[in-house]
């Protein structure tokens, strides 16, 4: 029996639009072996609630998302990490937040819990108090060999960026192992959303990772709408896509410029920054906020696009489109820059597929996945975006995917604004029970949201998953064999979110 067939033997729970199947603990215990035998089922994420564990998968051949659940009897469940390495950090997170232990897990060191909370399993329903004392030191995996030494970097960095610790094992100048340690921006996002109506909780989803505020806000809103059976007005659907593509454009410009800057080439960085600033100002003129935060809400969007907003957006995008070819020629024609990006930070396509990497990380290593196309959602069912895929797997490939997506997103925004429907942009939400999930493509990959509402329409369980969960581990692999000085450029070519995985 395939892993997908095994999941479907569970009891359907009435979730929308992706069904969730409740498995017996014994059936779940057979899932790791089934996943090992069935590599086509891509792992998307794991989470929990008191006494219950959940997992999401993408059935790539069938264009379907499958959700599986099982009771964690006596606080334990069978680990999926031996079959899907992407599950490792989720299992560590589940133990920290819900005090559920994955039996047979590859790694059970703490992840979010740094020993400073004063509680064990704060979301478990029965958190246990921990006596005070010196917080434990983090454990790092060893690296053995002649001349190997360690370089600790962070969590506080020289730049104005989020905190994260990177532990390098190096031999001479070559990196033999990189290990990350996050959790420094843990905000208690999930606990803050519990007990709130969906529209009130949307503000927390929008702040999971500020650079993806539209994508995460859209994913959460779509999950709530699926749970409640709410149809979003066509005008709101189109404007969500406009905002989503603008978010992709300004982030891709930012990343392209910073990759060049980390290679000590300031001119493209300056020009990309100038073009991005134009897009951000247009976003502010059209939607009242540079990042368009809190504009996507369950039930639609608010406010509507401002008068003259479409013209401001189109003018900013024309500037980007006009200058992109010249910037690309400069990028390609400078040997000192090409020497830094070509062949650097290679991510094996086999590894990218094994971790189900999405976004420019996956598409830069030949993985042909984009949630706008598979499983797809409106309005992209009527205007399917072109898929930019590179097989090089290096920093250069990830840059080229971004640049190609700039052109695609500009074309999509133009078409959306030209065909913008009339009508309302926000509808009321009923106060009723339901369960829903959504997979929305953000600039760095697919954003997953799941929630369950009680009879009064209040959130009883929720999870938000940034694509960085499955991309950060791949950065560890991509830096191996590179020199320490190339870490910044490799890191920026991935541009994973710290906040997005710290919850």
Protein backbone atom coordinates (compact mmCIF):
# COMPACT_ATOMS: atom_id res chain seq x y z
CA UNK A 1 0.00 0.00 0.00
CA UNK A 2 1.34 3.44 -0.92
CA UNK A 3 1.72 6.09 1.75
CA UNK A 4 -1.13 8.11 0.23
CA UNK A 5 -3.41 5.05 0.25
CA UNK A 6 -2.45 4.34 3.85
CA UNK A 7 -3.40 7.87 4.88
CA UNK A 8 -6.74 7.56 3.10
CA UNK A 9 -7.64 4.54 5.21
CA UNK A 10 -8.13 6.96 8.09
CA UNK A 11 -11.47 8.49 9.06
CA UNK A 12 -12.27 11.69 7.10
CA UNK A 13 -12.70 14.67 9.42
CA UNK A 14 -14.57 17.00 7.08
CA UNK A 15 -11.77 19.49 6.48
CA UNK A 16 -11.80 21.79 3.44
CA UNK A 17 -10.55 21.96 0.75
CA UNK A 18 -7.94 19.33 1.67
CA UNK A 19 -9.35 16.42 3.67
CA UNK A 20 -7.73 15.41 6.94
CA UNK A 21 -7.68 11.69 7.76
CA UNK A 22 -7.57 10.50 11.37
CA UNK A 23 -5.41 7.38 11.71
CA UNK A 24 -5.15 5.03 14.63
CA UNK A 25 -1.81 5.23 16.41
CA UNK A 26 -0.87 1.81 15.04
CA UNK A 27 -1.66 2.86 11.48
CA UNK A 28 0.41 6.03 11.88
CA UNK A 29 3.27 3.81 13.09
CA UNK A 30 3.25 2.20 9.64
CA UNK A 31 3.54 5.57 7.91
CA UNK A 32 7.38 5.91 8.07
CA UNK A 33 7.89 2.61 6.24
CA UNK A 34 5.24 3.53 3.66
CA UNK A 35 6.89 6.92 3.11
CA UNK A 36 10.28 5.29 2.64
CA UNK A 37 8.82 3.07 -0.07
CA UNK A 38 6.89 5.95 -1.70
CA UNK A 39 9.18 8.92 -2.45
CA UNK A 40 6.50 10.65 -4.56
CA UNK A 41 4.62 11.87 -1.48
CA UNK A 42 6.27 15.18 -0.59
CA UNK A 43 6.40 16.19 3.06
CA UNK A 44 5.02 19.69 3.73
CA UNK A 45 5.05 19.99 7.51
CA UNK A 46 4.03 18.75 10.94
CA UNK A 47 2.34 20.29 13.95
CA UNK A 48 0.24 19.21 16.92
CA UNK A 49 -2.40 20.04 19.45
CA UNK A 50 -2.87 18.53 22.92
CA UNK A 51 -2.63 14.74 22.53
CA UNK A 52 -2.71 14.80 18.72
CA UNK A 53 -0.12 15.06 15.95
CA UNK A 54 -0.75 16.23 12.37
CA UNK A 55 1.21 16.11 9.12
CA UNK A 56 0.68 17.53 5.63
CA UNK A 57 1.83 15.98 2.35
CA UNK A 58 1.68 16.88 -1.32
CA UNK A 59 0.65 14.04 -3.61
CA UNK A 60 2.47 15.48 -6.59
CA UNK A 61 1.16 13.08 -9.24
CA UNK A 62 -2.46 13.53 -8.18
CA UNK A 63 -2.31 17.30 -7.58
CA UNK A 64 -3.63 16.82 -4.05
CA UNK A 65 -2.72 17.81 -0.50
CA UNK A 66 -3.26 15.16 2.16
CA UNK A 67 -3.53 15.82 5.88
CA UNK A 68 -2.96 12.98 8.34
CA UNK A 69 -3.52 12.91 12.09
CA UNK A 70 -3.12 10.40 14.91
CA UNK A 71 -3.45 10.40 18.67
CA UNK A 72 -0.16 10.65 20.56
CA UNK A 73 -0.83 7.97 23.12
CA UNK A 74 0.95 8.65 26.41
CA UNK A 75 2.52 11.67 24.74
CA UNK A 76 4.34 9.66 22.07
CA UNK A 77 3.97 9.03 18.34
CA UNK A 78 6.02 7.38 15.59
CA UNK A 79 8.63 9.70 14.09
CA UNK A 80 8.51 10.54 10.39
CA UNK A 81 12.06 11.92 10.28
CA UNK A 82 13.69 8.56 9.41
CA UNK A 83 11.67 8.64 6.15
CA UNK A 84 11.43 12.40 5.56
CA UNK A 85 14.42 14.43 6.83
CA UNK A 86 12.38 17.60 6.50
CA UNK A 87 10.40 16.42 9.54
CA UNK A 88 13.38 16.65 11.92
CA UNK A 89 12.91 20.24 13.02
CA UNK A 90 9.13 19.92 13.16
CA UNK A 91 9.46 16.99 15.57
CA UNK A 92 11.82 19.01 17.74
CA UNK A 93 9.37 21.94 17.69
CA UNK A 94 6.43 19.68 18.58
CA UNK A 95 8.29 18.37 21.59
CA UNK A 96 9.09 21.91 22.73
CA UNK A 97 5.58 23.34 22.30
CA UNK A 98 3.25 20.39 22.90
CA UNK A 99 5.49 18.02 24.93
CA UNK A 100 4.86 15.17 22.47
CA UNK A 101 7.83 12.93 21.72
CA UNK A 102 8.56 11.38 18.33
CA UNK A 103 9.69 7.79 18.94
CA UNK A 104 12.59 6.78 16.72
CA UNK A 105 13.31 10.41 15.77
CA UNK A 106 16.57 11.33 14.09
CA UNK A 107 17.11 14.27 16.47
CA UNK A 108 15.27 15.27 19.65
CA UNK A 109 17.38 18.17 20.85
CA UNK A 110 15.38 21.27 21.82
CA UNK A 111 14.59 23.67 18.98
CA UNK A 112 12.50 26.66 20.04
CA UNK A 113 12.86 26.09 23.79
CA UNK A 114 16.17 27.52 24.99
CA UNK A 115 15.42 26.70 28.62
CA UNK A 116 14.17 30.19 29.45
CA UNK A 117 10.39 29.81 29.31
CA UNK A 118 9.83 28.47 32.81
CA UNK A 119 7.30 26.04 31.32
CA UNK A 120 7.54 22.69 29.57
CA UNK A 121 5.09 22.16 26.72
CA UNK A 122 3.29 25.54 26.88
CA UNK A 123 0.68 24.44 24.30
CA UNK A 124 0.17 20.94 25.71
CA UNK A 125 -2.90 21.87 27.73
CA UNK A 126 -1.08 20.93 30.93
CA UNK A 127 2.25 22.77 30.88
CA UNK A 128 4.67 21.80 33.61
CA UNK A 129 6.55 24.43 35.58
CA UNK A 130 10.34 24.21 35.43
CA UNK A 131 12.44 25.23 38.40
CA UNK A 132 14.78 28.14 37.82
CA UNK A 133 18.45 27.71 37.18
CA UNK A 134 21.08 28.24 34.55
CA UNK A 135 19.64 27.57 31.06
CA UNK A 136 21.35 24.63 29.36
CA UNK A 137 23.98 25.26 26.73
CA UNK A 138 22.93 24.27 23.19
CA UNK A 139 24.27 20.97 21.87
CA UNK A 140 25.90 20.88 18.46
CA UNK A 141 26.73 17.85 16.36
CA UNK A 142 30.44 16.98 16.32
CA UNK A 143 32.76 17.10 13.33
CA UNK A 144 35.99 15.12 13.56
CA UNK A 145 39.21 15.33 11.59
CA UNK A 146 42.66 16.85 11.63
CA UNK A 147 42.77 20.63 11.90
CA UNK A 148 39.02 21.13 12.35
CA UNK A 149 37.99 24.08 14.50
CA UNK A 150 34.74 25.91 15.25
CA UNK A 151 33.57 29.41 14.37
CA UNK A 152 30.47 30.57 16.28
CA UNK A 153 28.52 33.35 14.57
CA UNK A 154 25.54 35.12 16.15
CA UNK A 155 22.86 35.20 17.35
CA UNK A 156 23.61 38.93 17.24
CA UNK A 157 25.00 39.93 13.86
CA UNK A 158 26.81 42.97 12.52
CA UNK A 159 23.94 43.94 10.22
CA UNK A 160 20.37 44.92 11.05
CA UNK A 161 18.97 41.43 10.65
CA UNK A 162 17.11 38.90 12.76
CA UNK A 163 19.02 36.89 15.37
CA UNK A 164 20.20 33.39 14.62
CA UNK A 165 23.23 31.32 15.60
CA UNK A 166 25.44 29.60 13.04
CA UNK A 167 28.05 27.12 14.22
CA UNK A 168 30.71 26.41 11.60
CA UNK A 169 33.13 23.50 11.69
CA UNK A 170 35.95 24.45 9.35
CA UNK A 171 39.16 22.88 8.08
CA UNK A 172 41.40 25.67 6.92
CA UNK A 173 39.00 27.90 5.01
CA UNK A 174 36.60 25.12 3.96
CA UNK A 175 33.31 24.58 5.78
CA UNK A 176 32.94 20.94 6.82
CA UNK A 177 29.68 21.38 8.68
CA UNK A 178 27.27 24.19 9.39
CA UNK A 179 24.61 23.88 12.05
CA UNK A 180 21.92 26.45 12.76
CA UNK A 181 20.29 27.34 16.06
CA UNK A 182 17.15 29.49 15.98
CA UNK A 183 14.25 30.32 18.27
CA UNK A 184 15.52 33.76 19.29
CA UNK A 185 12.52 35.48 17.66
CA UNK A 186 9.91 33.12 19.13
CA UNK A 187 6.80 35.24 19.65
CA UNK A 188 4.22 32.71 20.83
CA UNK A 189 2.26 33.38 17.62
CA UNK A 190 0.13 30.24 17.78
CA UNK A 191 -0.90 30.74 21.42
CA UNK A 192 -1.79 34.38 20.68
CA UNK A 193 -4.19 33.23 17.95
CA UNK A 194 -6.05 30.67 20.07
CA UNK A 195 -9.50 31.67 21.27
CA UNK A 196 -9.83 34.56 18.81
CA UNK A 197 -12.16 34.92 15.82
CA UNK A 198 -10.39 34.49 12.51
CA UNK A 199 -10.47 38.15 11.54
CA UNK A 200 -8.92 39.25 14.83
CA UNK A 201 -6.24 36.54 14.60
CA UNK A 202 -5.29 37.58 11.05
CA UNK A 203 -2.96 40.27 12.43
CA UNK A 204 -0.73 37.59 13.95
CA UNK A 205 -0.55 35.61 10.70
CA UNK A 206 0.44 38.80 8.90
CA UNK A 207 3.38 39.20 11.27
CA UNK A 208 4.77 35.68 11.20
CA UNK A 209 7.38 36.92 8.70
CA UNK A 210 6.98 40.54 7.69
CA UNK A 211 8.54 40.17 4.25
CA UNK A 212 5.82 37.60 3.44
CA UNK A 213 2.95 39.39 5.16
CA UNK A 214 0.67 39.17 2.11
CA UNK A 215 1.37 35.47 1.48
CA UNK A 216 0.90 34.40 5.11
CA UNK A 217 -2.12 36.65 5.49
CA UNK A 218 -3.62 35.15 2.33
CA UNK A 219 -2.90 31.58 3.41
CA UNK A 220 -4.53 32.14 6.81
CA UNK A 221 -7.51 33.94 5.27
CA UNK A 222 -8.01 31.20 2.68
CA UNK A 223 -7.88 28.52 5.39
CA UNK A 224 -10.50 30.40 7.44
CA UNK A 225 -12.71 30.89 4.39
CA UNK A 226 -12.47 27.19 3.54
CA UNK A 227 -13.42 26.29 7.11
CA UNK A 228 -16.45 28.59 7.03
CA UNK A 229 -17.52 28.00 3.43
CA UNK A 230 -17.14 31.68 2.56
CA UNK A 231 -16.84 32.80 -1.06
CA UNK A 232 -14.46 35.73 -1.54
CA UNK A 233 -15.60 38.53 -3.87
CA UNK A 234 -13.88 38.37 -7.29
CA UNK A 235 -12.43 41.87 -6.86
CA UNK A 236 -10.79 40.85 -3.59
CA UNK A 237 -9.36 37.70 -5.20
CA UNK A 238 -7.76 39.75 -7.96
CA UNK A 239 -6.37 42.36 -5.57
CA UNK A 240 -4.90 39.65 -3.34
CA UNK A 241 -2.99 38.40 -6.36
CA UNK A 242 -1.86 41.94 -7.22
CA UNK A 243 -0.48 42.34 -3.71
CA UNK A 244 1.07 38.88 -3.73
CA UNK A 245 2.91 39.56 -6.99
CA UNK A 246 4.06 42.98 -5.80
CA UNK A 247 5.44 41.30 -2.68
CA UNK A 248 7.31 38.85 -4.89
CA UNK A 249 8.71 41.67 -7.04
CA UNK A 250 10.03 43.87 -4.24
CA UNK A 251 11.60 40.91 -2.42
CA UNK A 252 13.26 39.53 -5.54
CA UNK A 253 14.73 42.96 -6.28
CA UNK A 254 16.00 43.17 -2.72
CA UNK A 255 17.60 39.72 -2.85
CA UNK A 256 19.19 40.24 -6.26
CA UNK A 257 20.79 43.46 -5.07
CA UNK A 258 22.03 41.97 -1.81
CA UNK A 259 23.58 38.95 -3.53
CA UNK A 260 25.61 41.38 -5.62
CA UNK A 261 26.45 43.44 -2.54
CA UNK A 262 27.74 40.35 -0.71
CA UNK A 263 30.06 39.84 -3.67
CA UNK A 264 31.33 43.44 -3.16
CA UNK A 265 29.56 44.73 -6.28
CA UNK A 266 27.65 47.79 -5.09
CA UNK A 267 26.14 49.15 -8.32
CA UNK A 268 23.45 46.47 -8.89
CA UNK A 269 22.65 46.63 -5.18
CA UNK A 270 22.07 50.38 -5.41
CA UNK A 271 19.93 50.12 -8.56
CA UNK A 272 17.85 47.21 -7.24
CA UNK A 273 17.32 49.12 -4.02
CA UNK A 274 16.16 52.18 -5.96
CA UNK A 275 13.74 50.11 -8.04
CA UNK A 276 12.43 48.32 -4.95
CA UNK A 277 11.83 51.64 -3.24
CA UNK A 278 9.71 52.70 -6.19
CA UNK A 279 7.59 49.54 -5.87
CA UNK A 280 7.18 49.99 -2.11
CA UNK A 281 6.05 53.59 -2.57
CA UNK A 282 3.55 52.47 -5.17
CA UNK A 283 2.26 49.82 -2.71
CA UNK A 284 1.82 52.54 -0.10
CA UNK A 285 -0.04 54.76 -2.56
CA UNK A 286 -2.33 51.93 -3.68
CA UNK A 287 -2.95 50.10 -0.41
CA UNK A 288 -1.88 52.47 2.36
CA UNK A 289 1.09 50.40 3.57
CA UNK A 290 4.50 49.81 2.00
CA UNK A 291 4.44 46.07 2.80
CA UNK A 292 0.63 45.83 2.43
CA UNK A 293 0.39 44.45 5.96
CA UNK A 294 -3.12 43.75 7.34
CA UNK A 295 -4.71 44.32 3.93
CA UNK A 296 -5.61 40.67 3.33
CA UNK A 297 -8.33 39.59 5.75
CA UNK A 298 -10.57 36.53 6.08
CA UNK A 299 -13.50 37.41 3.82
CA UNK A 300 -11.56 39.53 1.36
CA UNK A 301 -9.33 42.61 1.55
CA UNK A 302 -9.60 46.05 3.15
CA UNK A 303 -9.29 48.77 2.09
CA UNK A 304 -9.95 48.70 -1.64
CA UNK A 305 -7.20 49.93 -3.96
CA UNK A 306 -6.96 53.71 -3.74
CA UNK A 307 -7.83 56.02 -6.66
CA UNK A 308 -4.69 56.39 -8.76
CA UNK A 309 -3.17 53.30 -7.09
CA UNK A 310 -3.17 51.22 -10.25
CA UNK A 311 -1.37 53.97 -12.17
CA UNK A 312 1.28 54.28 -9.45
CA UNK A 313 1.87 50.52 -9.52
CA UNK A 314 2.13 50.36 -13.30
CA UNK A 315 4.61 53.25 -13.38
CA UNK A 316 6.84 51.58 -10.79
CA UNK A 317 6.72 48.27 -12.64
CA UNK A 318 7.55 49.95 -15.94
CA UNK A 319 10.74 51.28 -14.33
CA UNK A 320 11.66 47.79 -13.13
CA UNK A 321 10.97 46.24 -16.52
CA UNK A 322 12.91 48.93 -18.35
CA UNK A 323 16.07 48.55 -16.26
CA UNK A 324 16.12 44.78 -15.67
CA UNK A 325 17.78 43.83 -19.03
CA UNK A 326 20.63 46.31 -18.48
CA UNK A 327 21.14 45.13 -14.90
CA UNK A 328 21.19 41.54 -16.10
CA UNK A 329 23.85 42.37 -18.69
CA UNK A 330 25.96 43.97 -15.97
CA UNK A 331 25.42 40.97 -13.70
CA UNK A 332 26.52 38.55 -16.44
CA UNK A 333 29.43 40.54 -17.84
CA UNK A 334 31.53 41.13 -14.71
CA UNK A 335 33.91 38.24 -14.19
CA UNK A 336 34.58 39.14 -10.56
CA UNK A 337 30.87 38.77 -9.79
CA UNK A 338 30.35 35.64 -11.86
CA UNK A 339 33.32 34.05 -10.13
CA UNK A 340 31.53 34.49 -6.80
CA UNK A 341 28.08 33.21 -7.81
CA UNK A 342 28.64 30.45 -10.40
CA UNK A 343 29.26 27.10 -8.73
CA UNK A 344 28.96 28.57 -5.23
CA UNK A 345 26.49 27.13 -2.74
CA UNK A 346 25.51 24.15 -4.89
CA UNK A 347 22.28 22.44 -3.81
CA UNK A 348 21.95 18.96 -5.29
CA UNK A 349 18.55 18.61 -7.05
CA UNK A 350 18.17 15.19 -5.42
CA UNK A 351 18.44 16.78 -1.99
CA UNK A 352 16.09 19.62 -2.95
CA UNK A 353 13.50 17.05 -4.01
CA UNK A 354 13.98 14.98 -0.85
CA UNK A 355 13.24 18.03 1.30
CA UNK A 356 10.42 19.15 -1.03
CA UNK A 357 12.02 22.59 -1.30
CA UNK A 358 9.77 25.16 -2.88
CA UNK A 359 10.23 28.67 -4.20
CA UNK A 360 13.43 29.82 -5.88
CA UNK A 361 15.45 27.39 -3.73
CA UNK A 362 13.64 24.39 -5.18
CA UNK A 363 13.19 25.79 -8.69
CA UNK A 364 16.87 26.76 -8.76
CA UNK A 365 17.65 23.07 -8.28
CA UNK A 366 15.27 21.72 -10.96
CA UNK A 367 12.23 21.09 -8.72
CA UNK A 368 9.21 22.05 -10.80
CA UNK A 369 6.79 23.12 -8.08
CA UNK A 370 4.76 26.29 -7.61
CA UNK A 371 1.64 26.28 -5.42
CA UNK A 372 -0.05 28.72 -7.80
CA UNK A 373 -0.06 25.89 -10.34
CA UNK A 374 -0.18 22.82 -8.07
CA UNK A 375 -2.62 22.42 -6.39
CA UNK A 376 -3.51 25.88 -7.68
CA UNK A 377 -6.08 28.47 -6.61
CA UNK A 378 -7.89 31.52 -7.97
CA UNK A 379 -7.13 33.69 -9.82
CA UNK A 380 -4.19 31.62 -11.12
CA UNK A 381 -6.52 28.98 -12.49
CA UNK A 382 -7.41 31.53 -15.16
CA UNK A 383 -3.90 32.99 -15.64
CA UNK A 384 -1.36 30.23 -15.02
CA UNK A 385 2.06 31.75 -14.33
CA UNK A 386 5.07 30.62 -16.32
CA UNK A 387 7.42 28.37 -14.35
CA UNK A 388 11.04 29.55 -14.11
CA UNK A 389 13.30 26.57 -13.43
CA UNK A 390 17.10 26.30 -13.41
CA UNK A 391 19.14 23.11 -12.99
CA UNK A 392 22.41 24.70 -11.83
CA UNK A 393 21.58 24.58 -8.12
CA UNK A 394 24.06 27.36 -7.26
CA UNK A 395 23.78 31.00 -6.21
CA UNK A 396 23.60 32.02 -9.87
CA UNK A 397 20.69 29.65 -10.57
CA UNK A 398 18.71 31.04 -7.65
CA UNK A 399 19.34 34.59 -8.88
CA UNK A 400 18.23 33.68 -12.41
CA UNK A 401 14.98 32.17 -11.13
CA UNK A 402 14.28 35.42 -9.30
CA UNK A 403 15.01 37.59 -12.34
CA UNK A 404 12.78 35.44 -14.57
CA UNK A 405 9.98 35.67 -12.00
CA UNK A 406 10.23 39.47 -12.02
CA UNK A 407 9.06 39.53 -15.63
CA UNK A 408 6.31 36.98 -15.01
CA UNK A 409 4.97 38.85 -11.98
CA UNK A 410 4.99 42.20 -13.81
CA UNK A 411 2.92 40.67 -16.62
CA UNK A 412 0.49 39.14 -14.11
CA UNK A 413 -0.01 42.43 -12.26
CA UNK A 414 -0.68 44.28 -15.51
CA UNK A 415 -3.25 41.71 -16.57
CA UNK A 416 -4.92 41.68 -13.16
CA UNK A 417 -5.25 45.45 -13.05
CA UNK A 418 -6.54 45.63 -16.63
CA UNK A 419 -9.28 43.07 -15.87
CA UNK A 420 -10.02 44.10 -12.27
CA UNK A 421 -13.66 43.21 -11.51
CA UNK A 422 -16.02 45.72 -9.94
CA UNK A 423 -17.82 45.05 -6.69
CA UNK A 424 -17.25 44.64 -2.99
CA UNK A 425 -13.96 43.57 -1.44
CA UNK A 426 -14.97 42.19 1.99
CA UNK A 427 -17.82 39.95 3.15
CA UNK A 428 -18.87 39.06 6.72
CA UNK A 429 -17.86 35.77 8.33
CA UNK A 430 -20.39 33.46 10.00
CA UNK A 431 -19.75 32.40 13.59
CA UNK A 432 -19.68 28.63 13.17
CA UNK A 433 -17.45 25.58 13.43
CA UNK A 434 -15.24 24.34 10.64
CA UNK A 435 -11.78 23.20 9.62
CA UNK A 436 -9.77 24.52 6.72
CA UNK A 437 -6.30 24.75 5.23
CA UNK A 438 -4.58 26.52 2.38
CA UNK A 439 -1.35 26.47 0.40
CA UNK A 440 -0.43 29.89 -1.00
CA UNK A 441 2.72 30.67 -2.99
CA UNK A 442 4.80 33.44 -1.42
CA UNK A 443 7.98 34.94 -2.80
CA UNK A 444 10.21 32.32 -1.14
CA UNK A 445 7.86 29.36 -1.57
CA UNK A 446 4.56 27.92 -0.43
CA UNK A 447 2.96 29.12 2.82
CA UNK A 448 0.77 26.56 4.61
CA UNK A 449 -2.03 27.48 7.01
CA UNK A 450 -4.40 25.19 8.93
CA UNK A 451 -7.01 25.97 11.55
CA UNK A 452 -10.04 24.54 13.33
CA UNK A 453 -12.87 26.73 14.60
CA UNK A 454 -15.42 25.94 17.32
CA UNK A 455 -19.19 26.54 17.15
CA UNK A 456 -18.72 30.20 17.96
CA UNK A 457 -16.16 30.71 15.20
CA UNK A 458 -13.23 30.96 17.61
CA UNK A 459 -9.87 29.35 16.84
CA UNK A 460 -9.33 26.12 18.78
CA UNK A 461 -6.23 24.93 16.91
CA UNK A 462 -3.99 26.61 14.33
CA UNK A 463 -0.66 26.25 12.58
CA UNK A 464 1.24 28.44 10.12
CA UNK A 465 4.22 27.08 8.19
CA UNK A 466 6.76 29.25 6.42
CA UNK A 467 8.62 27.64 3.48
CA UNK A 468 11.89 28.31 5.32
CA UNK A 469 11.27 25.25 7.52
CA UNK A 470 12.29 23.06 4.58
CA UNK A 471 14.93 25.43 3.16
CA UNK A 472 17.12 26.27 6.16
CA UNK A 473 18.44 22.67 6.41
CA UNK A 474 19.38 22.81 2.73
CA UNK A 475 21.55 25.87 3.33
CA UNK A 476 23.53 23.73 5.79
CA UNK A 477 24.13 21.25 2.99
CA UNK A 478 24.82 23.86 0.30
CA UNK A 479 27.60 25.59 2.25
CA UNK A 480 29.62 22.41 2.80
CA UNK A 481 32.88 22.52 0.85
CA UNK A 482 32.64 26.28 0.30
CA UNK A 483 34.92 28.78 1.97
CA UNK A 484 33.74 30.64 5.06
CA UNK A 485 33.84 33.96 3.18
CA UNK A 486 31.14 32.68 0.80
CA UNK A 487 28.61 32.06 3.56
CA UNK A 488 27.00 35.53 3.34
CA UNK A 489 26.37 35.20 -0.39
CA UNK A 490 25.05 31.63 0.01
CA UNK A 491 22.85 32.72 2.90
CA UNK A 492 21.39 35.62 0.93
CA UNK A 493 20.78 33.42 -2.12
CA UNK A 494 18.51 31.30 0.10
CA UNK A 495 17.17 34.25 2.14
CA UNK A 496 15.28 32.05 4.58
CA UNK A 497 13.17 33.64 7.30
CA UNK A 498 14.27 33.48 10.93
CA UNK A 499 10.98 34.80 12.30
CA UNK A 500 8.93 32.50 10.07
CA UNK A 501 10.32 29.35 11.69
CA UNK A 502 10.49 30.73 15.24
CA UNK A 503 6.70 31.00 15.52
